[in-house]
């Protein structure tokens, strides 16, 4: 799987993932409003999705990627408390605690993934959204610091977060047998052999390659796919839209649906 954007950094990668195409004007991690229509705001405008779309992210730039200036569905990112009409006791505790636990990265721009997971998991259980987007960050930070042990440990913790969410959906009558989970990244990393595993960007060979995993009632359990047509990140928004019963439309043509992910190729 590969990126279609030539930058191989986070904002362009997340934008490609969520809007379904590469926009050459989106070429840095600067806090600039994304002009393109993303899948979340598209769904938020569909009948039955009102107040049923939410996003939680460890990196505060997601406010610009998803564009909170243009959208008013639930978005919480960075080192900031979460405010909503209803909060669970744990969310209230997290709001107090997050201000007492400084992040080691960029002040309030990046928070520990544990906050993102707990905020999102509590929101899922209380509000029952139809589309929930979660973005973690720690693996990228520890890779940049070239701390491989912490990189592996946080990846393992992320696996645990993902398992907890999946197990809960499969134990809940509303979600059981009707939930699809997609897991992917915003970019790849350089090769270990060339000592570039801690880096990414357009000057780092290999950083354009990444992966995705998907599980759900409409996706055949065929394991790792090899010798297939090349898949691009720009195809994932349309694929998720299809699984929800919609033909995702943005302000530019989007990548086509990945057929094996939606059961069109057995």
Protein backbone atom coordinates (compact mmCIF):
# COMPACT_ATOMS: atom_id res chain seq x y z
CA UNK A 1 0.00 0.00 0.00
CA UNK A 2 1.31 3.47 -0.77
CA UNK A 3 0.65 7.19 -0.44
CA UNK A 4 -0.29 9.31 -3.44
CA UNK A 5 0.93 12.51 -1.79
CA UNK A 6 4.66 13.18 -2.34
CA UNK A 7 5.40 14.50 1.14
CA UNK A 8 5.25 11.38 3.35
CA UNK A 9 4.56 13.39 6.49
CA UNK A 10 1.59 13.54 8.83
CA UNK A 11 -0.80 16.32 7.75
CA UNK A 12 -0.71 15.39 4.05
CA UNK A 13 -1.03 11.70 4.97
CA UNK A 14 -4.02 12.19 7.24
CA UNK A 15 -5.61 14.53 4.73
CA UNK A 16 -5.24 11.98 1.93
CA UNK A 17 -6.74 9.33 4.20
CA UNK A 18 -9.77 11.40 5.17
CA UNK A 19 -10.55 13.34 1.98
CA UNK A 20 -9.70 10.59 -0.51
CA UNK A 21 -7.17 12.34 -2.73
CA UNK A 22 -3.86 14.21 -2.72
CA UNK A 23 -4.05 17.98 -2.68
CA UNK A 24 -0.69 19.50 -3.66
CA UNK A 25 -1.47 22.59 -1.58
CA UNK A 26 -1.50 20.41 1.55
CA UNK A 27 2.24 19.87 1.81
CA UNK A 28 3.35 20.59 5.38
CA UNK A 29 2.36 20.07 9.01
CA UNK A 30 1.48 23.74 9.44
CA UNK A 31 -1.72 24.64 11.26
CA UNK A 32 -3.66 25.69 8.19
CA UNK A 33 -7.32 24.94 7.57
CA UNK A 34 -7.87 21.99 5.27
CA UNK A 35 -10.03 23.26 2.38
CA UNK A 36 -11.15 19.76 1.36
CA UNK A 37 -14.30 17.89 2.37
CA UNK A 38 -13.46 14.91 4.57
CA UNK A 39 -15.38 11.70 5.19
CA UNK A 40 -16.45 12.70 8.70
CA UNK A 41 -18.14 15.92 7.61
CA UNK A 42 -19.72 14.12 4.65
CA UNK A 43 -21.23 11.55 7.02
CA UNK A 44 -22.26 14.23 9.51
CA UNK A 45 -24.54 15.65 6.80
CA UNK A 46 -26.28 12.33 6.11
CA UNK A 47 -29.60 11.40 7.67
CA UNK A 48 -29.12 9.33 10.79
CA UNK A 49 -25.56 10.56 11.39
CA UNK A 50 -26.44 13.88 13.02
CA UNK A 51 -24.48 14.09 16.29
CA UNK A 52 -23.26 10.54 15.64
CA UNK A 53 -19.79 11.37 14.25
CA UNK A 54 -16.77 12.02 16.48
CA UNK A 55 -12.97 12.22 16.37
CA UNK A 56 -10.34 11.98 19.10
CA UNK A 57 -6.65 12.54 18.34
CA UNK A 58 -3.40 12.84 20.27
CA UNK A 59 -2.07 15.53 17.90
CA UNK A 60 -3.74 18.94 18.05
CA UNK A 61 -3.25 19.62 14.33
CA UNK A 62 -6.32 17.46 13.75
CA UNK A 63 -8.42 20.52 14.49
CA UNK A 64 -7.03 21.92 11.24
CA UNK A 65 -6.95 18.65 9.30
CA UNK A 66 -10.64 17.96 9.99
CA UNK A 67 -11.34 21.70 10.04
CA UNK A 68 -13.18 22.74 13.19
CA UNK A 69 -13.70 26.17 11.64
CA UNK A 70 -16.09 24.56 9.16
CA UNK A 71 -17.41 21.61 11.17
CA UNK A 72 -19.10 21.35 14.54
CA UNK A 73 -19.28 17.60 15.19
CA UNK A 74 -17.34 16.31 18.19
CA UNK A 75 -13.57 16.72 17.85
CA UNK A 76 -11.08 16.58 20.72
CA UNK A 77 -7.32 16.67 20.17
CA UNK A 78 -4.00 17.58 21.73
CA UNK A 79 -3.41 18.32 25.37
CA UNK A 80 -6.80 19.83 26.04
CA UNK A 81 -9.72 18.71 28.22
CA UNK A 82 -12.85 17.33 26.57
CA UNK A 83 -16.08 19.24 27.06
CA UNK A 84 -19.50 17.96 26.09
CA UNK A 85 -23.11 18.13 27.25
CA UNK A 86 -22.70 14.80 29.02
CA UNK A 87 -19.50 13.51 30.60
CA UNK A 88 -18.81 10.26 32.40
CA UNK A 89 -17.06 10.36 35.79
CA UNK A 90 -13.90 9.08 34.09
CA UNK A 91 -14.01 11.85 31.47
CA UNK A 92 -14.40 14.42 34.24
CA UNK A 93 -11.40 12.91 36.03
CA UNK A 94 -9.39 12.90 32.79
CA UNK A 95 -10.16 16.60 32.31
CA UNK A 96 -8.59 17.35 35.67
CA UNK A 97 -5.70 14.96 35.26
CA UNK A 98 -4.66 15.98 31.72
CA UNK A 99 -3.74 19.45 32.93
CA UNK A 100 -1.47 17.94 35.59
CA UNK A 101 0.40 15.58 33.24
CA UNK A 102 2.56 17.58 30.85
CA UNK A 103 3.40 16.03 27.53
CA UNK A 104 7.09 15.62 26.67
CA UNK A 105 6.33 16.65 23.07
CA UNK A 106 5.63 20.19 21.89
CA UNK A 107 3.80 21.44 24.96
CA UNK A 108 0.06 20.91 24.55
CA UNK A 109 0.33 19.97 20.86
CA UNK A 110 0.66 16.21 21.53
CA UNK A 111 -0.78 14.28 24.46
CA UNK A 112 -0.18 10.77 25.73
CA UNK A 113 -2.20 8.21 23.78
CA UNK A 114 -3.77 6.91 27.00
CA UNK A 115 -5.80 10.12 27.22
CA UNK A 116 -6.96 9.79 23.64
CA UNK A 117 -8.00 6.19 24.15
CA UNK A 118 -9.82 6.79 27.43
CA UNK A 119 -11.65 9.88 26.15
CA UNK A 120 -12.71 8.05 22.99
CA UNK A 121 -13.66 4.78 24.70
CA UNK A 122 -15.81 6.59 27.27
CA UNK A 123 -17.45 8.58 24.48
CA UNK A 124 -18.18 5.39 22.56
CA UNK A 125 -19.86 3.75 25.54
CA UNK A 126 -21.89 6.83 26.52
CA UNK A 127 -22.83 8.41 23.18
CA UNK A 128 -22.96 5.41 20.82
CA UNK A 129 -21.60 7.15 17.68
CA UNK A 130 -22.06 5.61 14.23
CA UNK A 131 -18.60 6.73 13.08
CA UNK A 132 -15.68 7.14 15.49
CA UNK A 133 -12.20 8.20 14.37
CA UNK A 134 -9.25 7.77 16.74
CA UNK A 135 -5.66 8.82 16.06
CA UNK A 136 -2.71 7.85 18.26
CA UNK A 137 0.74 9.43 18.07
CA UNK A 138 3.28 7.95 20.49
CA UNK A 139 4.85 5.47 18.07
CA UNK A 140 5.84 8.34 15.78
CA UNK A 141 7.31 10.39 18.61
CA UNK A 142 9.40 7.53 20.01
CA UNK A 143 10.58 6.58 16.52
CA UNK A 144 11.79 10.13 15.90
CA UNK A 145 13.65 9.90 19.22
CA UNK A 146 15.06 6.54 18.05
CA UNK A 147 13.94 4.85 21.25
CA UNK A 148 13.08 1.47 19.79
CA UNK A 149 12.08 -0.15 23.06
CA UNK A 150 9.52 2.57 23.78
CA UNK A 151 8.41 2.43 20.14
CA UNK A 152 7.60 -1.28 20.51
CA UNK A 153 6.01 -0.84 23.92
CA UNK A 154 3.65 1.87 22.74
CA UNK A 155 2.73 -0.15 19.65
CA UNK A 156 1.84 -3.00 21.98
CA UNK A 157 -0.27 -0.67 24.12
CA UNK A 158 -2.05 0.55 21.00
CA UNK A 159 -2.85 -3.06 20.14
CA UNK A 160 -4.42 -3.37 23.59
CA UNK A 161 -6.52 -0.24 23.05
CA UNK A 162 -7.73 -1.56 19.71
CA UNK A 163 -8.58 -4.94 21.23
CA UNK A 164 -10.53 -3.31 24.07
CA UNK A 165 -12.64 -1.31 21.63
CA UNK A 166 -13.29 -4.29 19.36
CA UNK A 167 -14.15 -6.60 22.25
CA UNK A 168 -16.58 -4.04 23.65
CA UNK A 169 -18.36 -3.56 20.31
CA UNK A 170 -18.74 -7.31 19.97
CA UNK A 171 -20.25 -7.53 23.47
CA UNK A 172 -22.74 -4.73 22.81
CA UNK A 173 -26.02 -5.52 21.07
CA UNK A 174 -26.05 -2.26 19.12
CA UNK A 175 -22.62 -2.86 17.55
CA UNK A 176 -22.17 -6.64 17.55
CA UNK A 177 -21.98 -8.03 14.03
CA UNK A 178 -22.57 -4.57 12.56
CA UNK A 179 -19.23 -2.87 13.19
CA UNK A 180 -16.25 -2.45 10.87
CA UNK A 181 -12.87 -1.40 12.25
CA UNK A 182 -10.12 -0.09 9.96
CA UNK A 183 -6.57 0.45 11.23
CA UNK A 184 -3.92 2.29 9.24
CA UNK A 185 -1.18 4.95 9.41
CA UNK A 186 -0.48 8.38 7.96
CA UNK A 187 2.90 7.44 6.45
CA UNK A 188 5.59 4.79 6.55
CA UNK A 189 9.14 4.97 7.87
CA UNK A 190 12.60 4.59 6.41
CA UNK A 191 14.26 1.20 6.25
CA UNK A 192 16.01 -0.26 9.30
CA UNK A 193 18.88 -1.50 7.10
CA UNK A 194 19.74 2.08 6.13
CA UNK A 195 19.35 3.40 9.67
CA UNK A 196 16.33 5.49 8.69
CA UNK A 197 13.60 3.73 10.65
CA UNK A 198 13.20 6.77 12.88
CA UNK A 199 12.52 9.12 9.99
CA UNK A 200 10.06 9.77 7.21
CA UNK A 201 9.48 12.42 4.55
CA UNK A 202 10.07 12.78 0.82
CA UNK A 203 13.82 12.24 1.20
CA UNK A 204 13.46 8.96 3.08
CA UNK A 205 13.05 5.96 0.74
CA UNK A 206 10.39 3.57 1.97
CA UNK A 207 8.38 6.16 3.88
CA UNK A 208 5.77 6.18 1.11
CA UNK A 209 4.78 2.60 1.89
CA UNK A 210 2.35 1.72 4.65
CA UNK A 211 -0.35 -0.78 5.54
CA UNK A 212 -3.96 -1.12 6.56
CA UNK A 213 -6.00 -3.77 8.35
CA UNK A 214 -9.77 -4.15 8.35
CA UNK A 215 -12.20 -6.38 10.19
CA UNK A 216 -15.97 -6.45 10.01
CA UNK A 217 -19.03 -8.37 8.82
CA UNK A 218 -18.65 -7.30 5.18
CA UNK A 219 -14.94 -8.07 4.85
CA UNK A 220 -13.83 -11.66 4.13
CA UNK A 221 -11.31 -12.95 6.68
CA UNK A 222 -8.61 -13.76 4.13
CA UNK A 223 -5.57 -12.76 6.16
CA UNK A 224 -2.61 -10.84 4.78
CA UNK A 225 -3.05 -9.99 1.11
CA UNK A 226 -0.12 -10.34 -1.26
CA UNK A 227 0.21 -10.23 -5.05
CA UNK A 228 -2.75 -7.86 -5.31
CA UNK A 229 -3.33 -4.66 -7.21
CA UNK A 230 -1.56 -1.73 -5.58
CA UNK A 231 -3.72 0.01 -3.00
CA UNK A 232 -3.41 3.70 -2.11
CA UNK A 233 -4.34 5.56 1.05
CA UNK A 234 -6.60 7.75 -1.09
CA UNK A 235 -8.94 4.76 -1.56
CA UNK A 236 -9.77 4.22 2.10
CA UNK A 237 -12.30 7.04 2.58
CA UNK A 238 -14.44 5.76 -0.29
CA UNK A 239 -14.10 2.22 1.04
CA UNK A 240 -15.40 3.20 4.47
CA UNK A 241 -18.17 5.22 2.87
CA UNK A 242 -19.21 2.19 0.82
CA UNK A 243 -19.33 -0.01 3.90
CA UNK A 244 -21.71 2.51 5.47
CA UNK A 245 -23.90 2.54 2.37
CA UNK A 246 -22.72 5.80 0.82
CA UNK A 247 -20.86 6.95 -2.27
CA UNK A 248 -18.41 9.35 -0.63
CA UNK A 249 -18.14 12.62 -2.54
CA UNK A 250 -15.56 15.30 -1.81
CA UNK A 251 -14.67 18.47 -3.68
CA UNK A 252 -12.38 16.50 -6.02
CA UNK A 253 -12.60 12.94 -7.39
CA UNK A 254 -11.67 10.39 -4.73
CA UNK A 255 -9.92 7.03 -4.92
CA UNK A 256 -12.09 4.06 -5.81
CA UNK A 257 -13.33 1.47 -3.33
CA UNK A 258 -10.89 -1.33 -2.42
CA UNK A 259 -12.98 -4.27 -3.64
CA UNK A 260 -11.49 -7.06 -1.46
CA UNK A 261 -12.10 -4.99 1.67
CA UNK A 262 -15.83 -4.81 1.01
CA UNK A 263 -16.30 -8.40 -0.11
CA UNK A 264 -16.61 -7.72 -3.82
CA UNK A 265 -13.77 -10.15 -4.55
CA UNK A 266 -13.85 -13.41 -2.62
